[in-house]
Protein backbone atom coordinates (compact mmCIF):
# COMPACT_ATOMS: atom_id res chain seq x y z
CA MET A 1 -36.43 91.74 -15.99
CA ALA A 2 -35.38 94.02 -13.34
CA CYS A 3 -35.87 93.40 -10.07
CA ALA A 4 -35.90 97.13 -7.97
CA PRO A 5 -36.64 97.39 -4.45
CA CYS A 6 -39.92 99.05 -3.35
CA GLY A 7 -39.29 102.54 -2.79
CA ASP A 8 -36.47 103.21 -0.49
CA ALA A 9 -36.43 99.53 1.25
CA PRO A 10 -33.39 97.87 0.73
CA PRO A 11 -33.58 94.26 -0.73
CA CYS A 12 -33.67 91.52 1.78
CA LEU A 13 -31.40 88.99 -0.30
CA PRO A 14 -28.56 90.18 -2.66
CA VAL A 15 -29.46 91.33 -5.94
CA VAL A 16 -29.17 88.95 -8.80
CA ALA A 17 -27.12 89.95 -11.88
CA ASP A 18 -29.22 91.47 -14.62
CA THR A 19 -27.83 89.18 -17.25
CA MET A 20 -29.49 86.17 -15.62
CA PRO A 21 -33.27 85.32 -16.13
CA LYS A 22 -34.88 85.59 -12.87
CA GLN A 23 -38.53 86.19 -11.20
CA VAL A 24 -39.99 88.14 -8.63
CA VAL A 25 -41.30 86.36 -5.51
CA ASN A 26 -43.73 87.99 -2.87
CA PRO A 27 -44.02 91.31 -4.69
CA CYS A 28 -44.88 94.61 -2.77
CA GLN A 29 -47.93 96.24 -3.34
CA PRO A 30 -47.95 100.01 -4.50
CA HIS A 31 -49.75 101.33 -1.28
CA LYS A 32 -47.73 98.89 1.31
CA CYS A 33 -44.29 99.73 -0.02
CA ASN A 34 -43.10 100.48 3.78
CA ALA A 35 -44.68 97.34 5.35
CA PRO A 36 -42.33 95.32 7.35
CA ASP A 37 -43.29 92.12 5.91
CA CYS A 38 -42.89 93.56 2.11
CA CYS A 39 -39.86 92.61 0.27
CA ASN A 40 -39.41 92.22 -3.41
CA VAL A 41 -37.37 88.90 -3.57
CA CYS A 42 -35.69 87.76 -6.91
CA ILE A 43 -34.44 84.14 -7.53
CA PRO A 44 -32.84 83.18 -10.64
CA MET A 45 -34.59 80.83 -13.01
CA VAL A 46 -33.34 77.68 -13.43
CA LYS A 47 -34.39 75.08 -16.28
CA PRO A 48 -35.11 71.56 -14.94
CA CYS A 49 -32.62 69.33 -16.51
CA LEU A 50 -33.72 66.25 -18.50
CA PRO A 51 -32.55 63.03 -17.41
CA PRO A 52 -30.30 61.56 -19.66
CA PRO A 53 -31.85 59.02 -22.16
CA VAL A 54 -31.71 55.53 -21.29
CA VAL A 55 -29.39 53.60 -23.94
CA PRO A 56 -30.65 49.78 -24.06
CA ARG A 57 -27.56 47.69 -23.34
CA ARG A 58 -26.66 45.18 -26.28
CA THR A 59 -27.10 41.47 -25.37
CA CYS A 60 -24.10 39.13 -26.30
CA LYS A 61 -23.79 35.42 -26.38
CA TYR A 62 -20.45 33.72 -25.39
CA ILE A 63 -19.26 31.51 -28.01
CA GLN A 64 -16.79 28.98 -26.92
CA PRO A 65 -13.91 28.31 -29.33
CA PRO A 66 -13.48 24.71 -31.10
CA ARG A 67 -11.20 22.63 -28.85
CA PRO A 68 -7.94 22.00 -31.00
CA ARG A 69 -7.12 18.88 -32.44
CA SER A 70 -4.68 16.95 -30.17
CA TYR A 71 -1.25 16.00 -31.75
CA ALA A 72 -1.64 12.47 -30.58
CA PRO A 73 -1.22 9.57 -32.93
CA GLU A 74 -4.73 8.18 -34.08
CA ARG A 75 -5.47 4.45 -33.15
CA THR A 76 -7.43 3.64 -36.35
CA TYR A 77 -5.54 1.69 -38.84
CA LEU A 78 -5.90 3.01 -42.30
CA PRO A 79 -4.50 0.55 -45.16
CA PRO A 80 -2.25 1.93 -47.45
CA ILE A 81 -4.24 3.27 -51.15
CA ALA A 82 -1.35 3.48 -53.14
CA LYS A 83 0.14 0.23 -54.44
CA MET A 84 3.74 -0.96 -52.88
CA GLU A 85 6.63 -0.49 -55.38
CA ASP A 86 8.07 -3.69 -56.27
CA ASN A 87 11.23 -2.43 -57.80
CA THR A 88 13.68 -3.70 -54.92
CA ILE A 89 17.33 -2.28 -54.78
CA TYR A 90 18.37 -5.96 -55.87
CA ARG A 91 16.04 -6.16 -58.98
CA LYS A 92 17.41 -2.64 -60.07
CA SER A 93 21.06 -3.44 -59.63
CA TYR A 94 20.70 -6.71 -61.65
CA LEU A 95 18.77 -6.05 -64.78
CA PRO A 96 17.56 -9.03 -66.90
CA ASN A 97 19.89 -9.45 -70.03
CA GLU A 98 18.20 -10.38 -73.18
CA GLY A 99 21.58 -11.54 -75.06
CA SER A 100 23.02 -15.25 -75.03
CA ARG A 101 24.66 -16.78 -71.81
CA PRO A 102 28.49 -16.24 -72.39
CA CYS A 103 30.91 -19.00 -72.11
CA ALA A 104 32.32 -20.06 -68.85
CA ILE A 105 35.97 -18.96 -68.41
CA LEU A 106 37.87 -22.35 -67.04
CA PRO A 107 41.24 -21.82 -65.19
CA GLU A 108 44.06 -23.71 -67.08
CA HIS A 109 46.77 -26.04 -65.02
CA ASN A 110 49.64 -24.00 -64.82
CA LEU A 111 51.20 -25.67 -62.05
CA CYS A 112 53.31 -28.66 -62.53
CA VAL A 113 54.62 -31.05 -59.89
CA GLY A 114 58.57 -31.65 -60.18
CA GLU A 115 59.80 -35.40 -60.37
CA GLY A 116 62.50 -34.75 -58.16
CA LYS A 117 62.65 -34.25 -54.17
CA ILE A 118 61.32 -30.95 -52.89
CA SER A 119 64.28 -28.93 -51.50
CA ASP A 120 64.39 -28.31 -47.78
CA ASN A 121 66.08 -25.05 -48.18
CA THR A 122 63.59 -22.74 -46.70
CA VAL A 123 63.82 -18.73 -46.51
CA HIS A 124 64.74 -18.72 -42.62
CA LYS A 125 67.28 -21.58 -43.02
CA MET A 126 69.02 -19.54 -45.69
CA SER A 127 68.73 -16.62 -44.05
CA PHE A 128 70.44 -17.78 -40.66
CA MET A 129 73.43 -20.29 -42.21
CA PRO A 130 75.78 -21.72 -39.65
CA HIS A 131 79.35 -20.42 -39.26
CA CYS A 132 82.12 -22.93 -39.44
CA GLN A 133 84.59 -21.02 -36.85
CA LYS A 134 86.56 -22.52 -34.00
CA PRO A 135 85.64 -21.21 -30.71
CA PRO A 136 88.06 -18.43 -29.05
CA THR A 137 90.43 -19.32 -26.50
CA PRO A 138 89.34 -18.83 -23.05
CA ILE A 139 91.19 -15.84 -20.92
CA ILE A 140 92.44 -16.96 -17.63
CA PRO A 141 93.65 -14.37 -15.33
CA CYS A 142 97.11 -14.85 -13.69
CA SER A 143 97.36 -16.00 -10.13
CA HIS A 144 98.07 -13.35 -7.41
CA LYS A 145 98.98 -13.94 -3.94
CA LEU A 146 96.67 -11.52 -2.00
CA ILE A 147 98.14 -12.44 1.55
CA GLY A 148 101.82 -12.26 0.58
CA GLU A 149 104.72 -14.29 0.80
CA GLY A 150 106.23 -15.17 4.20
CA PRO A 151 104.90 -15.11 7.59
CA MET A 152 102.06 -12.57 8.69
CA GLN A 153 102.71 -9.83 11.16
CA ASP A 154 101.44 -10.09 14.50
CA ILE A 155 101.73 -6.55 15.57
CA THR A 156 98.26 -4.99 15.59
CA THR A 157 97.18 -1.49 16.48
CA GLN A 158 95.84 -2.62 19.71
CA LYS A 159 99.30 -4.27 20.65
CA HIS A 160 101.03 -1.35 19.48
CA ASP A 161 99.09 1.56 21.17
CA TYR A 162 98.87 -0.38 24.66
CA VAL A 163 101.83 -1.61 25.49
CA PRO A 164 101.98 -3.89 28.68
CA LYS A 165 103.10 -2.40 31.96
CA PRO A 166 104.45 -3.77 35.15
CA PHE A 167 102.13 -4.19 38.00
CA SER A 168 102.93 -3.79 41.90
CA LYS A 169 100.41 -5.12 44.62
CA PRO A 170 99.76 -2.23 46.95
CA CYS A 171 99.67 -2.64 50.63
CA LEU A 172 96.52 -3.11 52.49
CA ILE A 173 94.93 -0.42 54.45
CA ILE A 174 93.08 -1.81 57.50
CA PRO A 175 91.14 0.78 59.59
CA PRO A 176 91.53 0.85 63.30
CA LEU A 177 88.91 -0.81 65.45
CA SER A 178 86.42 1.78 66.89
CA LEU A 179 83.58 -0.38 68.01
CA TYR A 180 84.08 -2.61 70.99
CA GLY A 181 81.58 -5.16 72.16
CA SER A 182 80.03 -4.67 75.84
CA ASP A 183 80.67 -7.07 78.72
CA CYS A 184 76.96 -6.84 80.12
CA PRO A 185 74.21 -9.00 78.62
CA LEU A 186 72.05 -7.83 76.23
CA SER A 187 68.67 -6.02 77.61
CA SER A 188 65.63 -7.72 76.57
CA LYS A 189 63.38 -4.72 77.09
CA THR A 190 62.06 -3.83 73.14
CA VAL A 191 59.96 -1.39 72.45
CA ASN A 192 57.06 -3.38 71.50
CA ARG A 193 57.32 -5.05 75.04
CA LEU A 194 57.70 -1.50 76.83
CA SER A 195 54.69 -0.40 75.08
CA TYR A 196 52.29 -3.28 75.91
CA MET A 197 53.36 -4.06 79.89
CA PRO A 198 51.00 -6.40 81.38
CA VAL A 199 48.53 -4.65 83.74
CA ASP A 200 46.99 -6.59 86.63
CA PRO A 201 43.19 -5.76 86.82
CA CYS A 202 42.89 -6.51 90.47
CA LYS A 203 45.36 -4.06 91.39
CA VAL A 204 44.73 -1.17 88.91
CA LYS A 205 41.16 -0.26 88.13
CA VAL A 206 40.33 1.98 85.15
CA THR A 207 37.99 5.01 86.01
CA PRO A 208 35.87 5.40 82.81
CA ILE A 209 35.52 8.56 81.29
CA TYR A 210 31.99 9.82 80.11
CA PRO A 211 31.02 13.06 78.33
CA ILE A 212 30.19 15.95 80.22
CA ASP A 213 26.46 17.06 79.44
CA GLY A 214 27.20 20.54 77.94
CA LEU A 215 24.11 20.44 75.72
CA GLU A 216 20.78 20.64 77.21
CA LYS A 217 17.68 19.05 75.49
CA PRO A 218 15.55 21.41 74.02
CA CYS A 219 11.80 21.59 75.48
CA GLY A 220 10.25 23.92 73.25
CA ARG A 221 9.21 23.76 69.28
CA MET A 222 12.22 23.95 67.01
CA SER A 223 12.19 27.09 64.99
CA ASP A 224 11.27 27.08 61.26
CA LYS A 225 13.69 30.12 60.52
CA THR A 226 16.25 28.37 58.14
CA ILE A 227 18.89 30.62 56.23
CA HIS A 228 16.92 29.97 53.12
CA SER A 229 13.60 31.30 54.35
CA MET A 230 15.21 34.37 56.23
CA SER A 231 17.41 34.94 53.09
CA PHE A 232 14.35 35.01 50.65
CA GLN A 233 11.59 36.82 52.17
CA PRO A 234 8.13 36.76 50.52
CA TRP A 235 7.35 40.17 48.78
CA GLN A 236 3.95 41.46 47.51
CA PRO A 237 4.47 41.89 43.57
CA PRO A 238 3.70 45.25 42.28
CA GLU A 239 0.68 46.43 40.74
CA PRO A 240 1.30 45.56 36.48
CA ILE A 241 2.12 48.52 34.54
CA PRO A 242 -0.18 49.51 32.04
CA THR A 243 1.33 48.53 28.54
CA PRO A 244 -1.37 49.60 25.89
CA TRP A 245 1.25 49.32 23.07
CA ALA A 246 1.92 45.38 23.70
CA LEU A 247 -1.78 44.43 23.69
CA LYS A 248 -2.71 42.31 21.21
CA ALA A 249 -5.31 43.50 18.62
CA PRO A 250 -8.58 41.45 18.61
CA TYR A 251 -9.39 39.49 15.62
CA ARG A 252 -11.86 41.07 13.24
CA PRO A 253 -13.01 39.25 10.41
CA PRO A 254 -12.94 40.64 6.88
CA VAL A 255 -15.94 42.75 5.92
CA GLN A 256 -15.05 42.83 2.14
CA ARG A 257 -15.69 39.75 -0.09
CA MET A 258 -12.27 37.80 -1.21
CA GLU A 259 -11.33 38.11 -4.69
CA ASP A 260 -11.94 35.46 -6.91
CA ASN A 261 -9.24 36.80 -9.59
CA THR A 262 -6.50 34.08 -9.35
CA VAL A 263 -3.45 34.62 -10.73
CA ASN A 264 -4.38 31.35 -13.11
CA ARG A 265 -7.48 33.04 -14.16
CA MET A 266 -6.06 36.42 -14.93
CA SER A 267 -3.31 34.96 -16.72
CA TYR A 268 -5.21 32.33 -19.07
CA VAL A 269 -8.24 34.55 -20.62
CA PRO A 270 -10.95 32.50 -22.39
CA PRO A 271 -10.08 32.19 -25.96
CA GLY A 272 -13.85 32.57 -26.81
CA GLN A 273 -15.66 35.88 -28.10
CA TYR A 274 -19.10 37.64 -27.66
CA VAL A 275 -21.30 37.90 -30.50
CA GLU A 276 -24.57 39.83 -30.30
CA CYS A 277 -27.77 37.88 -30.10
CA ALA A 278 -31.51 38.44 -29.78
CA PRO A 279 -32.70 39.93 -26.31
CA ASP A 280 -35.09 36.76 -25.87
CA ASP A 281 -32.59 34.43 -25.95
CA PRO A 282 -32.17 33.03 -22.24
CA SER A 283 -28.33 32.38 -22.91
CA CYS A 284 -27.50 35.95 -23.75
CA VAL A 285 -25.86 38.16 -21.17
CA GLU A 286 -24.90 41.94 -21.19
CA CYS A 287 -22.17 42.48 -23.64
CA PRO A 288 -18.81 43.57 -21.79
CA ASP A 289 -17.60 47.25 -22.30
CA PRO A 290 -14.98 47.69 -24.94
CA CYS A 291 -11.37 47.78 -23.79
CA ASN A 292 -9.89 51.20 -23.39
CA GLU A 293 -6.01 50.73 -24.13
CA GLN A 294 -4.92 53.94 -22.99
CA ASP A 295 -6.57 53.34 -19.37
CA PRO A 296 -4.04 51.25 -17.56
CA ASN A 297 -6.45 50.77 -14.69
CA HIS A 298 -9.30 49.72 -16.78
CA PHE A 299 -8.85 45.90 -15.55
CA ARG A 300 -9.47 47.50 -11.88
CA LYS A 301 -13.03 49.03 -12.73
CA ASP A 302 -14.58 46.19 -13.99
CA PRO A 303 -13.34 43.12 -11.97
CA ASN A 304 -15.58 40.72 -14.04
CA CYS A 305 -13.97 41.72 -17.38
CA ARG A 306 -12.39 38.77 -19.01
CA LEU A 307 -11.12 40.09 -22.06
CA GLY A 308 -7.32 40.38 -23.05
CA CYS A 309 -6.84 44.03 -22.38
CA CYS A 310 -8.31 43.68 -18.78
CA CYS A 311 -5.42 41.47 -17.45
CA PRO A 312 -2.75 43.74 -15.73
CA ARG A 313 0.54 43.85 -17.55
CA ALA A 314 4.22 43.71 -15.76
CA ALA A 315 5.56 47.31 -15.06
CA CYS A 316 9.11 47.63 -17.08
């Protein structure tokens, strides 16, 4: 269907392509083509999309596998069914003989005791026979006089080196007398006596020495300006510099719920299986989606997935 303008009036909206299905809205009357509110408006025809068909979800029942049998020994006593064998090693080694019993072999008397005396020549005595030989003559050394014959020489090395010499007594050297005694009697004026002379208190009066009053007693209040207080004068602290980068952010509680997929739960998947069941069964749940082995992030899409393929695998 063509949507042409009415007369020479331009279209109000862009012209839709001829290949698309369209319809005319607010068409112009033949005798009112030049009216100001007249406009041939063409809009494309759009077919409404039908909603996708609702596919009913399958219901499944989770079947727990049977508990594996324990390897612990059973405490129940079970008596043996088979009869115990009575063929022992001793019985099999000594089989019964049906023949007659052999005659006993008795030893013969081969040892006879002689009538004479037993010889005392033992093996040890015959091996080590005594020797009939005279003892050797002792060798005595000859006598030597180590001190020699005649008188011993009395000239020693000390006497030979140090010959006695004559000694003459020297004359005495008496020094001349340089010190002579005084004719006057010895003075009794010692240092201690001259230092501590007796003083008559009646004749000599000691004038006391008083200190001069050079310091005047202060009449006003003592100044509290000490060296420490004058050295460390109080000062007004400056205004703090704003440091927005050092401010600690306030605590905000988490908004999202903590994930309950622990390492143990994701590592040890339940070994059961899902089996389809009737919809009216109260123990049925929705069947989980089948695993997509090609999608590595399949376990992220469904956090409740407990299948073996939903567990994240370690990267190589």
